[in-house]
Amino acid sequence: MVPQFVYFDLGNVICSFDRERAIRQMAALTGTTPDRVRSEVIDGGLQAALERGAIDWLEFHERFSERTGTSSDAEALATAASDMFALNVDLLPVIAGLERAGCRAGILSNTCDAHWRHLVASGYAILPGGFAPIVLSHEVGAVKPDPAIFASAAARAGVPPDRIFFCDDIEEHVAAARRAGWDSEPYVSASRLVDDLARRGLELGL
């Protein structure tokens, strides 16, 4: 069926990101090593807790400082952790094509408040732009592939689940969307996405 709503993932779909760059910047700011930052933030679950909304940035900063034995300004650390994104300009015609076709689009992302605030402040015209709704894991309290985040996103889209198309760079999230009754494909490239939508009868004129 022709999609009535398209959800985009954020990281590595709308924007690319370089996690190692963020780790290096956090290490340089706090005077520790990238390995230590990675150990506490990624392996130690601090980033996951942020994205689930289990802690906010000030709690993250406090726990990070305690675990690493470092001292830093909380906002400076947020900038160091968030300055790692680049807009996927290849996707811009796709977003414009959806708008021209009258197909609504939203964002469904595992992300934290610091990263989202940084992206919105970066001056990208499409963020938040015309995306609505914007479903962010830290606000919902659930992360992909948890069925709860897909249920929340479907309710907010306001269309039947089988009329939602979703693209994500992570196969596990694509599979979870399909289990929720959505139509979903992995994001490979903007041109592949145009083809995926065209096969479903949604012509973007590209």
N, C-alpha and C. Protein backbone atom coordinates (compact mmCIF):
# COMPACT_ATOMS: atom_id res chain seq x y z
N MET A 1 0.84 -1.20 0.00
CA MET A 1 0.00 0.00 0.00
C MET A 1 0.88 1.25 0.00
N VAL A 2 0.30 2.32 -0.52
CA VAL A 2 1.03 3.59 -0.54
C VAL A 2 1.16 4.11 0.88
N PRO A 3 2.36 4.44 1.33
CA PRO A 3 2.51 4.97 2.69
C PRO A 3 1.77 6.29 2.87
N GLN A 4 1.18 6.44 4.04
CA GLN A 4 0.55 7.71 4.40
C GLN A 4 1.44 8.53 5.32
N PHE A 5 2.45 7.89 5.86
CA PHE A 5 3.36 8.57 6.80
C PHE A 5 4.72 7.91 6.70
N VAL A 6 5.78 8.72 6.74
CA VAL A 6 7.16 8.20 6.71
C VAL A 6 7.89 8.67 7.95
N TYR A 7 8.45 7.71 8.68
CA TYR A 7 9.33 8.01 9.81
C TYR A 7 10.78 7.81 9.38
N PHE A 8 11.61 8.78 9.71
CA PHE A 8 13.05 8.70 9.49
C PHE A 8 13.76 8.49 10.82
N ASP A 9 14.75 7.61 10.82
CA ASP A 9 15.72 7.59 11.92
C ASP A 9 16.56 8.86 11.80
N LEU A 10 17.21 9.23 12.88
CA LEU A 10 18.04 10.44 12.88
C LEU A 10 19.50 10.13 12.57
N GLY A 11 20.15 9.34 13.44
CA GLY A 11 21.57 9.05 13.26
C GLY A 11 21.85 8.12 12.11
N ASN A 12 22.74 8.54 11.23
CA ASN A 12 23.14 7.81 10.03
C ASN A 12 22.02 7.66 9.01
N VAL A 13 20.99 8.50 9.16
CA VAL A 13 19.97 8.65 8.12
C VAL A 13 19.85 10.14 7.82
N ILE A 14 19.23 10.91 8.70
CA ILE A 14 19.16 12.36 8.48
C ILE A 14 20.53 12.99 8.69
N CYS A 15 21.26 12.51 9.67
CA CYS A 15 22.61 13.02 9.95
C CYS A 15 23.56 11.85 10.16
N SER A 16 24.76 11.98 9.64
CA SER A 16 25.81 11.02 10.01
C SER A 16 26.41 11.47 11.33
N PHE A 17 27.09 10.55 12.00
CA PHE A 17 27.76 10.95 13.24
C PHE A 17 29.03 10.14 13.42
N ASP A 18 29.95 10.72 14.15
CA ASP A 18 31.25 10.11 14.40
C ASP A 18 31.44 9.99 15.91
N ARG A 19 31.03 8.85 16.45
CA ARG A 19 31.09 8.64 17.90
C ARG A 19 32.52 8.77 18.43
N GLU A 20 33.49 8.28 17.67
CA GLU A 20 34.88 8.35 18.15
C GLU A 20 35.36 9.78 18.26
N ARG A 21 34.90 10.65 17.39
CA ARG A 21 35.24 12.06 17.50
C ARG A 21 34.73 12.62 18.83
N ALA A 22 33.49 12.30 19.17
CA ALA A 22 32.93 12.78 20.43
C ALA A 22 33.73 12.25 21.61
N ILE A 23 34.11 11.00 21.57
CA ILE A 23 34.90 10.40 22.65
C ILE A 23 36.24 11.11 22.80
N ARG A 24 36.89 11.38 21.69
CA ARG A 24 38.19 12.08 21.74
C ARG A 24 38.02 13.48 22.31
N GLN A 25 36.96 14.17 21.93
CA GLN A 25 36.73 15.53 22.42
C GLN A 25 36.42 15.54 23.91
N MET A 26 35.66 14.58 24.37
CA MET A 26 35.37 14.49 25.80
C MET A 26 36.64 14.18 26.59
N ALA A 27 37.49 13.33 26.04
CA ALA A 27 38.75 12.99 26.70
C ALA A 27 39.67 14.22 26.77
N ALA A 28 39.75 14.95 25.66
CA ALA A 28 40.62 16.13 25.64
C ALA A 28 40.15 17.19 26.63
N LEU A 29 38.84 17.38 26.72
CA LEU A 29 38.29 18.38 27.62
C LEU A 29 38.54 18.04 29.08
N THR A 30 38.44 16.78 29.42
CA THR A 30 38.50 16.37 30.83
C THR A 30 39.87 15.86 31.24
N GLY A 31 40.81 15.74 30.30
CA GLY A 31 42.15 15.31 30.64
C GLY A 31 42.28 13.83 30.94
N THR A 32 41.39 13.04 30.36
CA THR A 32 41.50 11.60 30.52
C THR A 32 41.75 10.97 29.15
N THR A 33 41.61 9.67 29.03
CA THR A 33 41.91 9.00 27.78
C THR A 33 40.62 8.61 27.05
N PRO A 34 40.68 8.52 25.72
CA PRO A 34 39.51 8.03 24.99
C PRO A 34 39.04 6.66 25.46
N ASP A 35 39.97 5.79 25.79
CA ASP A 35 39.58 4.46 26.26
C ASP A 35 38.76 4.56 27.55
N ARG A 36 39.14 5.47 28.44
CA ARG A 36 38.41 5.62 29.68
C ARG A 36 37.01 6.19 29.42
N VAL A 37 36.94 7.16 28.54
CA VAL A 37 35.64 7.73 28.19
C VAL A 37 34.74 6.65 27.59
N ARG A 38 35.27 5.91 26.65
CA ARG A 38 34.49 4.85 26.00
C ARG A 38 34.03 3.82 27.01
N SER A 39 34.91 3.47 27.94
CA SER A 39 34.59 2.47 28.95
C SER A 39 33.41 2.91 29.81
N GLU A 40 33.38 4.17 30.20
CA GLU A 40 32.32 4.64 31.08
C GLU A 40 31.04 5.01 30.33
N VAL A 41 31.20 5.68 29.19
CA VAL A 41 30.03 6.20 28.47
C VAL A 41 29.32 5.10 27.68
N ILE A 42 30.07 4.33 26.94
CA ILE A 42 29.46 3.31 26.08
C ILE A 42 29.36 1.98 26.82
N ASP A 43 30.49 1.42 27.20
CA ASP A 43 30.48 0.11 27.86
C ASP A 43 29.82 0.17 29.24
N GLY A 44 29.97 1.30 29.92
CA GLY A 44 29.42 1.45 31.27
C GLY A 44 27.96 1.84 31.31
N GLY A 45 27.36 2.09 30.14
CA GLY A 45 25.92 2.31 30.07
C GLY A 45 25.43 3.72 30.29
N LEU A 46 26.33 4.70 30.43
CA LEU A 46 25.85 6.06 30.66
C LEU A 46 25.10 6.62 29.46
N GLN A 47 25.59 6.37 28.24
CA GLN A 47 24.89 6.86 27.06
C GLN A 47 23.54 6.18 26.91
N ALA A 48 23.50 4.89 27.17
CA ALA A 48 22.23 4.16 27.08
C ALA A 48 21.22 4.71 28.07
N ALA A 49 21.66 5.04 29.28
CA ALA A 49 20.76 5.61 30.29
C ALA A 49 20.23 6.97 29.85
N LEU A 50 21.09 7.76 29.23
CA LEU A 50 20.67 9.06 28.69
C LEU A 50 19.58 8.88 27.64
N GLU A 51 19.82 7.95 26.72
CA GLU A 51 18.89 7.77 25.62
C GLU A 51 17.56 7.19 26.07
N ARG A 52 17.55 6.43 27.17
CA ARG A 52 16.30 5.91 27.72
C ARG A 52 15.55 6.96 28.53
N GLY A 53 16.22 8.06 28.83
CA GLY A 53 15.62 9.06 29.69
C GLY A 53 15.70 8.71 31.16
N ALA A 54 16.55 7.72 31.50
CA ALA A 54 16.70 7.31 32.89
C ALA A 54 17.47 8.34 33.70
N ILE A 55 18.34 9.09 33.03
CA ILE A 55 19.07 10.19 33.66
C ILE A 55 19.05 11.38 32.72
N ASP A 56 19.23 12.58 33.28
CA ASP A 56 19.35 13.77 32.43
C ASP A 56 20.83 14.13 32.31
N TRP A 57 21.12 15.23 31.59
CA TRP A 57 22.52 15.55 31.34
C TRP A 57 23.29 15.88 32.62
N LEU A 58 22.68 16.58 33.54
CA LEU A 58 23.39 16.92 34.77
C LEU A 58 23.74 15.67 35.57
N GLU A 59 22.84 14.68 35.58
CA GLU A 59 23.14 13.41 36.24
C GLU A 59 24.25 12.67 35.49
N PHE A 60 24.18 12.71 34.17
CA PHE A 60 25.25 12.10 33.36
C PHE A 60 26.59 12.73 33.72
N HIS A 61 26.64 14.06 33.74
CA HIS A 61 27.87 14.77 34.02
C HIS A 61 28.42 14.41 35.39
N GLU A 62 27.52 14.34 36.36
CA GLU A 62 27.95 14.00 37.72
C GLU A 62 28.53 12.58 37.78
N ARG A 63 27.84 11.63 37.18
CA ARG A 63 28.31 10.24 37.21
C ARG A 63 29.60 10.08 36.40
N PHE A 64 29.66 10.74 35.25
CA PHE A 64 30.87 10.67 34.43
C PHE A 64 32.06 11.23 35.20
N SER A 65 31.87 12.37 35.84
CA SER A 65 32.96 12.99 36.59
C SER A 65 33.43 12.10 37.73
N GLU A 66 32.48 11.49 38.44
CA GLU A 66 32.83 10.60 39.55
C GLU A 66 33.58 9.37 39.06
N ARG A 67 33.09 8.77 38.01
CA ARG A 67 33.70 7.53 37.52
C ARG A 67 35.08 7.74 36.93
N THR A 68 35.28 8.89 36.30
CA THR A 68 36.57 9.15 35.64
C THR A 68 37.51 9.96 36.52
N GLY A 69 37.02 10.49 37.63
CA GLY A 69 37.85 11.32 38.49
C GLY A 69 38.26 12.61 37.82
N THR A 70 37.35 13.18 37.03
CA THR A 70 37.66 14.40 36.29
C THR A 70 36.72 15.53 36.71
N SER A 71 37.08 16.74 36.28
CA SER A 71 36.27 17.91 36.55
C SER A 71 36.09 18.69 35.25
N SER A 72 34.86 19.11 34.97
CA SER A 72 34.60 19.86 33.74
C SER A 72 33.30 20.62 33.89
N ASP A 73 33.10 21.58 33.01
CA ASP A 73 31.85 22.31 32.94
C ASP A 73 30.82 21.42 32.23
N ALA A 74 29.62 21.33 32.79
CA ALA A 74 28.62 20.42 32.24
C ALA A 74 28.24 20.77 30.81
N GLU A 75 28.08 22.05 30.50
CA GLU A 75 27.70 22.43 29.14
C GLU A 75 28.85 22.23 28.16
N ALA A 76 30.07 22.48 28.61
CA ALA A 76 31.23 22.24 27.74
C ALA A 76 31.35 20.76 27.41
N LEU A 77 31.07 19.91 28.38
CA LEU A 77 31.11 18.47 28.13
C LEU A 77 29.99 18.07 27.17
N ALA A 78 28.82 18.69 27.31
CA ALA A 78 27.72 18.39 26.39
C ALA A 78 28.09 18.75 24.96
N THR A 79 28.76 19.87 24.78
CA THR A 79 29.19 20.27 23.44
C THR A 79 30.22 19.29 22.89
N ALA A 80 31.17 18.91 23.73
CA ALA A 80 32.19 17.95 23.29
C ALA A 80 31.56 16.62 22.90
N ALA A 81 30.54 16.20 23.62
CA ALA A 81 29.88 14.93 23.35
C ALA A 81 28.96 14.99 22.14
N SER A 82 28.53 16.19 21.76
CA SER A 82 27.50 16.33 20.73
C SER A 82 28.02 16.85 19.40
N ASP A 83 29.19 17.45 19.38
CA ASP A 83 29.72 18.04 18.15
C ASP A 83 30.34 16.94 17.28
N MET A 84 29.47 16.11 16.72
CA MET A 84 29.94 14.97 15.94
C MET A 84 29.04 14.66 14.74
N PHE A 85 28.09 15.56 14.46
CA PHE A 85 27.09 15.30 13.44
C PHE A 85 27.37 16.06 12.15
N ALA A 86 26.90 15.50 11.04
CA ALA A 86 26.95 16.17 9.75
C ALA A 86 25.65 15.86 9.01
N LEU A 87 25.03 16.86 8.45
CA LEU A 87 23.76 16.68 7.75
C LEU A 87 23.95 15.83 6.50
N ASN A 88 23.05 14.89 6.31
CA ASN A 88 23.04 14.06 5.10
C ASN A 88 22.31 14.84 4.01
N VAL A 89 23.06 15.64 3.24
CA VAL A 89 22.43 16.52 2.25
C VAL A 89 21.77 15.73 1.12
N ASP A 90 22.20 14.49 0.90
CA ASP A 90 21.57 13.68 -0.15
C ASP A 90 20.10 13.42 0.13
N LEU A 91 19.73 13.53 1.40
CA LEU A 91 18.34 13.24 1.78
C LEU A 91 17.41 14.43 1.58
N LEU A 92 17.96 15.62 1.38
CA LEU A 92 17.13 16.82 1.30
C LEU A 92 16.10 16.76 0.17
N PRO A 93 16.47 16.32 -1.04
CA PRO A 93 15.44 16.22 -2.09
C PRO A 93 14.34 15.22 -1.75
N VAL A 94 14.68 14.16 -1.02
CA VAL A 94 13.67 13.18 -0.63
C VAL A 94 12.65 13.82 0.31
N ILE A 95 13.14 14.59 1.28
CA ILE A 95 12.25 15.26 2.22
C ILE A 95 11.37 16.28 1.49
N ALA A 96 11.98 17.01 0.55
CA ALA A 96 11.20 17.97 -0.24
C ALA A 96 10.18 17.25 -1.10
N GLY A 97 10.56 16.09 -1.65
CA GLY A 97 9.64 15.32 -2.48
C GLY A 97 8.44 14.81 -1.70
N LEU A 98 8.68 14.38 -0.47
CA LEU A 98 7.57 13.93 0.38
C LEU A 98 6.60 15.08 0.66
N GLU A 99 7.15 16.24 0.94
CA GLU A 99 6.29 17.39 1.20
C GLU A 99 5.47 17.74 -0.03
N ARG A 100 6.11 17.71 -1.20
CA ARG A 100 5.41 18.01 -2.44
C ARG A 100 4.31 16.98 -2.72
N ALA A 101 4.57 15.72 -2.34
CA ALA A 101 3.60 14.66 -2.56
C ALA A 101 2.49 14.65 -1.52
N GLY A 102 2.60 15.51 -0.51
CA GLY A 102 1.59 15.58 0.52
C GLY A 102 1.66 14.46 1.53
N CYS A 103 2.84 13.83 1.64
CA CYS A 103 3.03 12.75 2.59
C CYS A 103 3.74 13.29 3.83
N ARG A 104 3.09 13.14 4.98
CA ARG A 104 3.68 13.63 6.23
C ARG A 104 4.89 12.79 6.61
N ALA A 105 5.81 13.42 7.34
CA ALA A 105 7.04 12.75 7.76
C ALA A 105 7.40 13.15 9.18
N GLY A 106 7.98 12.20 9.91
CA GLY A 106 8.42 12.45 11.27
C GLY A 106 9.76 11.82 11.53
N ILE A 107 10.24 11.99 12.74
CA ILE A 107 11.52 11.44 13.17
C ILE A 107 11.27 10.48 14.33
N LEU A 108 11.91 9.33 14.27
CA LEU A 108 11.88 8.34 15.35
C LEU A 108 13.31 7.96 15.66
N SER A 109 13.82 8.38 16.81
CA SER A 109 15.25 8.26 17.06
C SER A 109 15.57 7.88 18.49
N ASN A 110 16.58 7.03 18.63
CA ASN A 110 17.23 6.82 19.92
C ASN A 110 18.26 7.94 20.08
N THR A 111 17.98 8.88 20.94
CA THR A 111 18.92 9.98 21.15
C THR A 111 18.69 10.57 22.53
N CYS A 112 19.58 11.48 22.91
CA CYS A 112 19.47 12.13 24.21
C CYS A 112 19.24 13.62 24.02
N ASP A 113 18.86 14.28 25.09
CA ASP A 113 18.53 15.70 25.01
C ASP A 113 19.71 16.55 24.55
N ALA A 114 20.92 16.23 25.03
CA ALA A 114 22.09 17.03 24.65
C ALA A 114 22.35 16.96 23.16
N HIS A 115 22.25 15.77 22.58
CA HIS A 115 22.48 15.63 21.14
C HIS A 115 21.38 16.34 20.35
N TRP A 116 20.14 16.18 20.77
CA TRP A 116 19.05 16.83 20.04
C TRP A 116 19.16 18.34 20.11
N ARG A 117 19.45 18.88 21.29
CA ARG A 117 19.59 20.34 21.42
C ARG A 117 20.72 20.85 20.54
N HIS A 118 21.82 20.11 20.47
CA HIS A 118 22.94 20.51 19.63
C HIS A 118 22.53 20.54 18.16
N LEU A 119 21.81 19.52 17.72
CA LEU A 119 21.39 19.46 16.32
C LEU A 119 20.45 20.60 15.97
N VAL A 120 19.50 20.88 16.83
CA VAL A 120 18.56 21.97 16.58
C VAL A 120 19.29 23.32 16.54
N ALA A 121 20.30 23.46 17.39
CA ALA A 121 21.06 24.72 17.45
C ALA A 121 22.08 24.85 16.32
N SER A 122 22.27 23.78 15.56
CA SER A 122 23.28 23.79 14.49
C SER A 122 22.86 24.60 13.28
N GLY A 123 21.60 24.96 13.18
CA GLY A 123 21.13 25.80 12.09
C GLY A 123 20.67 25.05 10.86
N TYR A 124 20.53 23.72 10.95
CA TYR A 124 20.02 22.96 9.82
C TYR A 124 18.54 23.33 9.61
N ALA A 125 18.21 23.75 8.39
CA ALA A 125 16.85 24.22 8.13
C ALA A 125 15.81 23.12 8.33
N ILE A 126 16.20 21.85 8.19
CA ILE A 126 15.21 20.77 8.28
C ILE A 126 15.00 20.27 9.70
N LEU A 127 15.74 20.82 10.67
CA LEU A 127 15.59 20.36 12.06
C LEU A 127 15.22 21.52 12.98
N PRO A 128 14.06 21.52 13.58
CA PRO A 128 13.05 20.47 13.45
C PRO A 128 12.24 20.53 12.17
N GLY A 129 12.26 21.69 11.49
CA GLY A 129 11.62 21.81 10.19
C GLY A 129 10.16 21.38 10.21
N GLY A 130 9.77 20.65 9.15
CA GLY A 130 8.38 20.23 9.04
C GLY A 130 8.10 18.86 9.59
N PHE A 131 9.09 18.23 10.25
CA PHE A 131 8.88 16.91 10.81
C PHE A 131 7.89 16.99 11.99
N ALA A 132 6.88 16.17 11.94
CA ALA A 132 5.92 16.10 13.04
C ALA A 132 5.11 14.81 12.90
N PRO A 133 5.13 13.99 13.96
CA PRO A 133 5.78 14.23 15.24
C PRO A 133 7.27 13.89 15.20
N ILE A 134 7.95 14.34 16.24
CA ILE A 134 9.34 13.97 16.48
C ILE A 134 9.35 13.14 17.75
N VAL A 135 9.64 11.86 17.60
CA VAL A 135 9.58 10.91 18.71
C VAL A 135 11.00 10.56 19.12
N LEU A 136 11.42 11.02 20.28
CA LEU A 136 12.78 10.84 20.76
C LEU A 136 12.77 9.93 21.98
N SER A 137 13.69 8.98 21.99
CA SER A 137 13.67 7.94 23.02
C SER A 137 13.73 8.50 24.43
N HIS A 138 14.55 9.52 24.64
CA HIS A 138 14.70 10.03 26.01
C HIS A 138 13.43 10.69 26.51
N GLU A 139 12.57 11.14 25.60
CA GLU A 139 11.30 11.74 26.00
C GLU A 139 10.22 10.67 26.21
N VAL A 140 10.28 9.61 25.41
CA VAL A 140 9.28 8.54 25.49
C VAL A 140 9.59 7.59 26.64
N GLY A 141 10.89 7.45 26.98
CA GLY A 141 11.28 6.51 28.02
C GLY A 141 11.44 5.10 27.52
N ALA A 142 11.65 4.94 26.22
CA ALA A 142 11.86 3.63 25.60
C ALA A 142 12.74 3.82 24.38
N VAL A 143 13.57 2.82 24.10
CA VAL A 143 14.48 2.89 22.96
C VAL A 143 14.18 1.77 21.97
N LYS A 144 14.40 2.06 20.69
CA LYS A 144 14.32 0.99 19.69
C LYS A 144 15.34 -0.09 20.04
N PRO A 145 14.99 -1.35 19.96
CA PRO A 145 13.80 -1.95 19.33
C PRO A 145 12.65 -2.25 20.27
N ASP A 146 12.55 -1.61 21.41
CA ASP A 146 11.45 -1.84 22.34
C ASP A 146 10.11 -1.56 21.65
N PRO A 147 9.17 -2.49 21.70
CA PRO A 147 7.87 -2.26 21.05
C PRO A 147 7.17 -1.00 21.55
N ALA A 148 7.47 -0.58 22.78
CA ALA A 148 6.77 0.58 23.34
C ALA A 148 7.01 1.85 22.55
N ILE A 149 8.22 2.02 22.02
CA ILE A 149 8.50 3.26 21.29
C ILE A 149 7.79 3.26 19.94
N PHE A 150 7.64 2.08 19.34
CA PHE A 150 6.92 2.00 18.07
C PHE A 150 5.42 2.23 18.29
N ALA A 151 4.90 1.72 19.40
CA ALA A 151 3.49 1.94 19.71
C ALA A 151 3.21 3.43 19.93
N SER A 152 4.11 4.09 20.65
CA SER A 152 3.95 5.53 20.89
C SER A 152 4.02 6.31 19.58
N ALA A 153 5.00 5.95 18.74
CA ALA A 153 5.17 6.66 17.47
C ALA A 153 3.98 6.45 16.55
N ALA A 154 3.44 5.22 16.52
CA ALA A 154 2.28 4.94 15.67
C ALA A 154 1.07 5.75 16.11
N ALA A 155 0.85 5.81 17.41
CA ALA A 155 -0.28 6.57 17.93
C ALA A 155 -0.16 8.05 17.56
N ARG A 156 1.04 8.57 17.61
CA ARG A 156 1.25 9.99 17.33
C ARG A 156 1.19 10.29 15.84
N ALA A 157 1.50 9.29 14.99
CA ALA A 157 1.40 9.49 13.54
C ALA A 157 -0.06 9.61 13.11
N GLY A 158 -0.94 8.90 13.82
CA GLY A 158 -2.36 9.03 13.54
C GLY A 158 -2.84 8.32 12.29
N VAL A 159 -2.09 7.32 11.83
CA VAL A 159 -2.50 6.51 10.69
C VAL A 159 -2.37 5.04 11.08
N PRO A 160 -3.01 4.12 10.36
CA PRO A 160 -2.85 2.69 10.67
C PRO A 160 -1.38 2.28 10.57
N PRO A 161 -0.93 1.37 11.43
CA PRO A 161 0.48 0.96 11.41
C PRO A 161 0.97 0.50 10.04
N ASP A 162 0.11 -0.19 9.28
CA ASP A 162 0.56 -0.71 7.99
C ASP A 162 0.66 0.37 6.91
N ARG A 163 0.30 1.62 7.26
CA ARG A 163 0.47 2.73 6.32
C ARG A 163 1.66 3.60 6.71
N ILE A 164 2.43 3.14 7.70
CA ILE A 164 3.65 3.84 8.10
C ILE A 164 4.85 3.17 7.43
N PHE A 165 5.69 3.98 6.80
CA PHE A 165 6.97 3.49 6.26
C PHE A 165 8.08 4.04 7.14
N PHE A 166 9.05 3.19 7.47
CA PHE A 166 10.13 3.58 8.38
C PHE A 166 11.46 3.15 7.79
N CYS A 167 12.45 4.04 7.83
CA CYS A 167 13.80 3.68 7.39
C CYS A 167 14.77 3.94 8.53
N ASP A 168 15.66 2.97 8.74
CA ASP A 168 16.63 3.01 9.83
C ASP A 168 17.88 2.29 9.34
N ASP A 169 19.03 2.72 9.81
CA ASP A 169 20.28 2.08 9.36
C ASP A 169 20.57 0.78 10.10
N ILE A 170 19.82 0.48 11.15
CA ILE A 170 20.08 -0.72 11.96
C ILE A 170 19.02 -1.77 11.66
N GLU A 171 19.47 -2.92 11.20
CA GLU A 171 18.55 -3.99 10.78
C GLU A 171 17.62 -4.42 11.92
N GLU A 172 18.13 -4.45 13.14
CA GLU A 172 17.31 -4.87 14.28
C GLU A 172 16.12 -3.93 14.47
N HIS A 173 16.32 -2.66 14.21
CA HIS A 173 15.24 -1.70 14.35
C HIS A 173 14.23 -1.84 13.21
N VAL A 174 14.72 -2.14 12.03
CA VAL A 174 13.83 -2.40 10.89
C VAL A 174 12.96 -3.61 11.19
N ALA A 175 13.56 -4.66 11.72
CA ALA A 175 12.81 -5.87 12.05
C ALA A 175 11.76 -5.59 13.13
N ALA A 176 12.12 -4.76 14.11
CA ALA A 176 11.17 -4.43 15.18
C ALA A 176 9.99 -3.64 14.63
N ALA A 177 10.27 -2.73 13.69
CA ALA A 177 9.18 -1.97 13.07
C ALA A 177 8.23 -2.91 12.32
N ARG A 178 8.78 -3.87 11.63
CA ARG A 178 7.94 -4.82 10.91
C ARG A 178 7.09 -5.64 11.87
N ARG A 179 7.68 -6.02 13.02
CA ARG A 179 6.89 -6.76 14.02
C ARG A 179 5.75 -5.91 14.56
N ALA A 180 5.94 -4.59 14.55
CA ALA A 180 4.89 -3.68 15.01
C ALA A 180 3.83 -3.44 13.94
N GLY A 181 4.00 -4.07 12.79
CA GLY A 181 3.03 -3.93 11.71
C GLY A 181 3.34 -2.83 10.72
N TRP A 182 4.51 -2.22 10.85
CA TRP A 182 4.91 -1.17 9.94
C TRP A 182 5.56 -1.76 8.69
N ASP A 183 5.62 -0.95 7.64
CA ASP A 183 6.41 -1.26 6.46
C ASP A 183 7.77 -0.61 6.68
N SER A 184 8.84 -1.35 6.51
CA SER A 184 10.15 -0.80 6.87
C SER A 184 11.25 -1.39 6.00
N GLU A 185 12.24 -0.57 5.71
CA GLU A 185 13.41 -0.99 4.95
C GLU A 185 14.65 -0.36 5.57
N PRO A 186 15.79 -1.06 5.48
CA PRO A 186 17.04 -0.45 5.97
C PRO A 186 17.43 0.73 5.09
N TYR A 187 17.97 1.76 5.73
CA TYR A 187 18.47 2.91 4.97
C TYR A 187 19.87 2.60 4.46
N VAL A 188 20.03 2.63 3.15
CA VAL A 188 21.32 2.41 2.50
C VAL A 188 21.82 3.70 1.85
N SER A 189 20.92 4.37 1.15
CA SER A 189 21.26 5.62 0.48
C SER A 189 19.95 6.34 0.14
N ALA A 190 20.07 7.62 -0.20
CA ALA A 190 18.88 8.38 -0.57
C ALA A 190 18.25 7.82 -1.84
N SER A 191 19.08 7.45 -2.82
CA SER A 191 18.54 6.91 -4.06
C SER A 191 17.82 5.59 -3.83
N ARG A 192 18.36 4.76 -2.94
CA ARG A 192 17.68 3.50 -2.62
C ARG A 192 16.35 3.77 -1.93
N LEU A 193 16.30 4.78 -1.07
CA LEU A 193 15.05 5.12 -0.39
C LEU A 193 14.01 5.59 -1.40
N VAL A 194 14.43 6.40 -2.37
CA VAL A 194 13.51 6.85 -3.42
C VAL A 194 12.92 5.64 -4.15
N ASP A 195 13.76 4.65 -4.47
CA ASP A 195 13.30 3.44 -5.13
C ASP A 195 12.34 2.65 -4.24
N ASP A 196 12.68 2.54 -2.94
CA ASP A 196 11.82 1.81 -2.01
C ASP A 196 10.42 2.43 -1.96
N LEU A 197 10.36 3.74 -1.94
CA LEU A 197 9.08 4.43 -1.87
C LEU A 197 8.33 4.33 -3.20
N ALA A 198 9.06 4.41 -4.31
CA ALA A 198 8.42 4.31 -5.63
C ALA A 198 7.78 2.94 -5.82
N ARG A 199 8.42 1.89 -5.32
CA ARG A 199 7.84 0.55 -5.44
C ARG A 199 6.54 0.43 -4.66
N ARG A 200 6.34 1.33 -3.72
CA ARG A 200 5.11 1.33 -2.93
C ARG A 200 4.10 2.34 -3.45
N GLY A 201 4.39 2.90 -4.61
CA GLY A 201 3.45 3.84 -5.24
C GLY A 201 3.59 5.27 -4.82
N LEU A 202 4.64 5.60 -4.06
CA LEU A 202 4.86 6.96 -3.62
C LEU A 202 5.96 7.58 -4.48
N GLU A 203 5.54 8.31 -5.51
CA GLU A 203 6.47 8.91 -6.46
C GLU A 203 6.85 10.31 -5.99
N LEU A 204 8.16 10.54 -5.89
CA LEU A 204 8.65 11.82 -5.37
C LEU A 204 9.12 12.76 -6.46
N GLY A 205 9.08 12.33 -7.70
CA GLY A 205 9.52 13.19 -8.80
C GLY A 205 11.02 13.36 -8.84
N LEU A 206 11.76 12.36 -8.36
CA LEU A 206 13.22 12.45 -8.32
C LEU A 206 13.84 11.39 -9.24
